[in-house]
Amino acid sequence: MTDEKEKQDLAWKAVGGLVGFATAWAAKKVLSVVWEKTTGKKPPADHDSLDVSLAEAIGYAVVMGVGMQVAQIVMARTARRRYDAWRALKDAARDVVD
């Protein structure tokens, strides 16, 4: 692997990690608000608590799991497309200068 390719891979890992972290944080906030608006209750803070019904705990887990995974997939694919387009543009500009 060339040094340039290794730098690109490292840069993508950094960008991908930041995108993943930001997406998870934002998705959790959005899904919590949607849960509260839909059910009229705050999201269950302690899934093990017997004060939270089993149906509510499972429902919240399903909503959060699916919602966060969908957000991660969409954002990761979008970020990768943008990153690849940026790299291609940067490479093309370098070729013009060379």
Foldseek 3Di string as FASTA:
>chain_A
DDPVVVVLVVVLVVVLVVLLVVLLVVLVVVLQVVCCVVVVDGQDPDLPDPVADVVSSVVSVVSSVVSSVVSSVVSSVVSVVVSVVVVVVVVVVVVVVD
